[in-house]
Amino acid sequence: MKEKSPIAQILKFPSNPEEVKWLMSKEKLLKEDLRIQETYDERVETRKELRKVREKLSRVIQSCLLQSITWKDLRKGNA
């Protein structure tokens, strides 16, 4: 049985690291807000905003994706 090599994703440095840092801190604050909010309506609004921040963060990270290669290729130096 042939074993598949895991795929590694090589990332380039984000063009705007401050944006990533800001989005991650915003996500952290929203998660904290969600934990302490008392009313259902407040939590709904916070979840909506949290979803938007996570989508934006995901887009920023995906834009940094350079290529996907296997570990086997990395060991061979074919990258």
N, C-alpha and C. Protein backbone atom coordinates (compact mmCIF):
# COMPACT_ATOMS: atom_id res chain seq x y z
N MET A 1 0.84 -1.17 0.00
CA MET A 1 0.00 0.00 0.00
C MET A 1 0.90 1.24 0.00
N LYS A 2 0.71 2.10 -0.99
CA LYS A 2 1.53 3.30 -1.13
C LYS A 2 0.97 4.41 -0.24
N GLU A 3 1.85 5.00 0.53
CA GLU A 3 1.44 6.04 1.45
C GLU A 3 1.58 7.41 0.77
N LYS A 4 0.55 8.24 0.90
CA LYS A 4 0.59 9.57 0.31
C LYS A 4 1.40 10.50 1.20
N SER A 5 2.19 11.34 0.55
CA SER A 5 2.96 12.34 1.30
C SER A 5 2.05 13.50 1.66
N PRO A 6 2.20 14.03 2.86
CA PRO A 6 1.40 15.22 3.21
C PRO A 6 1.83 16.40 2.35
N ILE A 7 0.91 17.32 2.14
CA ILE A 7 1.19 18.48 1.32
C ILE A 7 1.58 19.64 2.21
N ALA A 8 2.65 20.31 1.82
CA ALA A 8 3.09 21.51 2.55
C ALA A 8 2.67 22.73 1.76
N GLN A 9 2.28 23.76 2.45
CA GLN A 9 1.93 25.01 1.79
C GLN A 9 3.02 26.03 2.12
N ILE A 10 3.62 26.55 1.08
CA ILE A 10 4.66 27.55 1.25
C ILE A 10 4.01 28.92 1.14
N LEU A 11 4.19 29.72 2.17
CA LEU A 11 3.57 31.04 2.20
C LEU A 11 4.61 32.12 1.99
N LYS A 12 4.22 33.11 1.23
CA LYS A 12 5.08 34.29 1.14
C LYS A 12 4.68 35.24 2.25
N PHE A 13 5.55 36.15 2.58
CA PHE A 13 5.27 37.11 3.64
C PHE A 13 4.13 38.02 3.20
N PRO A 14 3.14 38.25 4.07
CA PRO A 14 2.02 39.12 3.67
C PRO A 14 2.51 40.51 3.28
N SER A 15 1.88 41.08 2.28
CA SER A 15 2.28 42.41 1.84
C SER A 15 1.97 43.46 2.92
N ASN A 16 0.97 43.15 3.74
CA ASN A 16 0.59 44.08 4.80
C ASN A 16 0.43 43.30 6.12
N PRO A 17 1.53 43.02 6.82
CA PRO A 17 1.43 42.23 8.05
C PRO A 17 0.62 42.92 9.14
N GLU A 18 0.56 44.24 9.10
CA GLU A 18 -0.22 44.96 10.10
C GLU A 18 -1.71 44.64 9.96
N GLU A 19 -2.16 44.42 8.73
CA GLU A 19 -3.57 44.06 8.51
C GLU A 19 -3.88 42.71 9.14
N VAL A 20 -2.99 41.75 8.97
CA VAL A 20 -3.17 40.42 9.57
C VAL A 20 -3.18 40.53 11.08
N LYS A 21 -2.25 41.29 11.61
CA LYS A 21 -2.16 41.48 13.06
C LYS A 21 -3.44 42.13 13.60
N TRP A 22 -3.92 43.15 12.90
CA TRP A 22 -5.14 43.85 13.32
C TRP A 22 -6.34 42.91 13.27
N LEU A 23 -6.47 42.15 12.19
CA LEU A 23 -7.61 41.23 12.06
C LEU A 23 -7.58 40.16 13.16
N MET A 24 -6.39 39.65 13.47
CA MET A 24 -6.29 38.64 14.53
C MET A 24 -6.64 39.22 15.89
N SER A 25 -6.22 40.44 16.15
CA SER A 25 -6.58 41.06 17.44
C SER A 25 -8.08 41.36 17.49
N LYS A 26 -8.64 41.79 16.37
CA LYS A 26 -10.09 42.04 16.30
C LYS A 26 -10.86 40.74 16.57
N GLU A 27 -10.40 39.64 15.97
CA GLU A 27 -11.05 38.35 16.20
C GLU A 27 -10.99 37.97 17.68
N LYS A 28 -9.87 38.17 18.29
CA LYS A 28 -9.71 37.84 19.71
C LYS A 28 -10.66 38.67 20.58
N LEU A 29 -10.75 39.97 20.29
CA LEU A 29 -11.66 40.84 21.05
C LEU A 29 -13.12 40.44 20.86
N LEU A 30 -13.49 40.11 19.65
CA LEU A 30 -14.87 39.70 19.39
C LEU A 30 -15.21 38.40 20.11
N LYS A 31 -14.27 37.47 20.13
CA LYS A 31 -14.52 36.21 20.85
C LYS A 31 -14.70 36.47 22.34
N GLU A 32 -13.92 37.39 22.88
CA GLU A 32 -14.06 37.76 24.29
C GLU A 32 -15.42 38.44 24.53
N ASP A 33 -15.79 39.35 23.63
CA ASP A 33 -17.09 40.01 23.74
C ASP A 33 -18.23 39.00 23.72
N LEU A 34 -18.11 38.04 22.83
CA LEU A 34 -19.14 37.01 22.70
C LEU A 34 -19.31 36.23 24.01
N ARG A 35 -18.21 36.01 24.68
CA ARG A 35 -18.26 35.26 25.94
C ARG A 35 -18.95 36.04 27.05
N ILE A 36 -18.81 37.36 27.06
CA ILE A 36 -19.34 38.13 28.19
C ILE A 36 -20.68 38.81 27.92
N GLN A 37 -21.14 38.81 26.68
CA GLN A 37 -22.41 39.47 26.38
C GLN A 37 -23.58 38.73 26.99
N GLU A 38 -24.58 39.50 27.39
CA GLU A 38 -25.70 38.93 28.12
C GLU A 38 -26.92 38.65 27.27
N THR A 39 -27.17 39.47 26.26
CA THR A 39 -28.41 39.29 25.50
C THR A 39 -28.16 38.54 24.20
N TYR A 40 -29.18 37.88 23.76
CA TYR A 40 -29.12 37.12 22.51
C TYR A 40 -28.82 38.04 21.33
N ASP A 41 -29.46 39.19 21.26
CA ASP A 41 -29.27 40.12 20.15
C ASP A 41 -27.82 40.61 20.06
N GLU A 42 -27.22 40.87 21.20
CA GLU A 42 -25.81 41.30 21.20
C GLU A 42 -24.91 40.19 20.65
N ARG A 43 -25.19 38.96 21.07
CA ARG A 43 -24.38 37.83 20.60
C ARG A 43 -24.55 37.60 19.10
N VAL A 44 -25.77 37.77 18.60
CA VAL A 44 -26.03 37.60 17.17
C VAL A 44 -25.22 38.61 16.37
N GLU A 45 -25.25 39.86 16.80
CA GLU A 45 -24.50 40.90 16.09
C GLU A 45 -23.00 40.64 16.16
N THR A 46 -22.53 40.20 17.31
CA THR A 46 -21.10 39.92 17.47
C THR A 46 -20.69 38.74 16.59
N ARG A 47 -21.53 37.72 16.52
CA ARG A 47 -21.23 36.57 15.65
C ARG A 47 -21.14 36.99 14.19
N LYS A 48 -22.04 37.88 13.76
CA LYS A 48 -22.01 38.38 12.38
C LYS A 48 -20.70 39.10 12.10
N GLU A 49 -20.31 39.96 13.02
CA GLU A 49 -19.07 40.70 12.85
C GLU A 49 -17.86 39.77 12.89
N LEU A 50 -17.90 38.80 13.79
CA LEU A 50 -16.82 37.82 13.90
C LEU A 50 -16.69 37.02 12.60
N ARG A 51 -17.80 36.63 12.03
CA ARG A 51 -17.79 35.89 10.76
C ARG A 51 -17.14 36.73 9.66
N LYS A 52 -17.47 38.02 9.61
CA LYS A 52 -16.88 38.91 8.59
C LYS A 52 -15.37 39.04 8.78
N VAL A 53 -14.94 39.18 10.04
CA VAL A 53 -13.51 39.31 10.32
C VAL A 53 -12.78 38.03 9.94
N ARG A 54 -13.35 36.88 10.26
CA ARG A 54 -12.71 35.61 9.92
C ARG A 54 -12.64 35.41 8.40
N GLU A 55 -13.69 35.81 7.69
CA GLU A 55 -13.67 35.70 6.22
C GLU A 55 -12.59 36.59 5.63
N LYS A 56 -12.48 37.80 6.14
CA LYS A 56 -11.45 38.73 5.67
C LYS A 56 -10.06 38.18 5.97
N LEU A 57 -9.87 37.67 7.17
CA LEU A 57 -8.59 37.09 7.55
C LEU A 57 -8.25 35.91 6.65
N SER A 58 -9.23 35.09 6.37
CA SER A 58 -9.03 33.94 5.49
C SER A 58 -8.61 34.39 4.09
N ARG A 59 -9.26 35.43 3.57
CA ARG A 59 -8.90 35.95 2.24
C ARG A 59 -7.47 36.48 2.23
N VAL A 60 -7.10 37.18 3.29
CA VAL A 60 -5.74 37.74 3.36
C VAL A 60 -4.71 36.61 3.40
N ILE A 61 -4.98 35.59 4.19
CA ILE A 61 -4.06 34.46 4.29
C ILE A 61 -4.00 33.70 2.97
N GLN A 62 -5.16 33.47 2.35
CA GLN A 62 -5.18 32.76 1.06
C GLN A 62 -4.43 33.53 -0.01
N SER A 63 -4.44 34.85 0.05
CA SER A 63 -3.73 35.64 -0.95
C SER A 63 -2.21 35.47 -0.81
N CYS A 64 -1.78 34.99 0.35
CA CYS A 64 -0.35 34.78 0.58
C CYS A 64 0.11 33.40 0.13
N LEU A 65 -0.83 32.54 -0.23
CA LEU A 65 -0.47 31.19 -0.63
C LEU A 65 0.34 31.22 -1.90
N LEU A 66 1.52 30.71 -1.87
CA LEU A 66 2.39 30.72 -3.03
C LEU A 66 2.22 29.45 -3.85
N GLN A 67 2.37 28.32 -3.21
CA GLN A 67 2.21 27.05 -3.91
C GLN A 67 2.05 25.93 -2.91
N SER A 68 1.56 24.80 -3.38
CA SER A 68 1.45 23.62 -2.55
C SER A 68 2.34 22.54 -3.14
N ILE A 69 3.16 21.92 -2.30
CA ILE A 69 4.03 20.85 -2.75
C ILE A 69 4.02 19.75 -1.70
N THR A 70 4.48 18.58 -2.07
CA THR A 70 4.54 17.49 -1.11
C THR A 70 5.88 17.53 -0.38
N TRP A 71 5.91 16.89 0.79
CA TRP A 71 7.15 16.81 1.55
C TRP A 71 8.20 16.04 0.74
N LYS A 72 7.76 15.06 -0.02
CA LYS A 72 8.67 14.27 -0.84
C LYS A 72 9.40 15.17 -1.82
N ASP A 73 8.67 16.09 -2.45
CA ASP A 73 9.28 17.03 -3.39
C ASP A 73 10.25 17.96 -2.66
N LEU A 74 9.90 18.36 -1.45
CA LEU A 74 10.79 19.23 -0.68
C LEU A 74 12.11 18.53 -0.37
N ARG A 75 12.02 17.25 -0.03
CA ARG A 75 13.24 16.49 0.28
C ARG A 75 14.13 16.34 -0.95
N LYS A 76 13.50 16.20 -2.11
CA LYS A 76 14.26 16.06 -3.35
C LYS A 76 14.86 17.38 -3.80
N GLY A 77 14.29 18.48 -3.35
CA GLY A 77 14.78 19.78 -3.78
C GLY A 77 14.17 20.23 -5.09
N ASN A 78 12.99 19.69 -5.43
CA ASN A 78 12.32 20.03 -6.69
C ASN A 78 11.41 21.23 -6.55
N ALA A 79 11.40 21.84 -5.41
CA ALA A 79 10.46 22.94 -5.18
C ALA A 79 10.87 24.20 -5.90
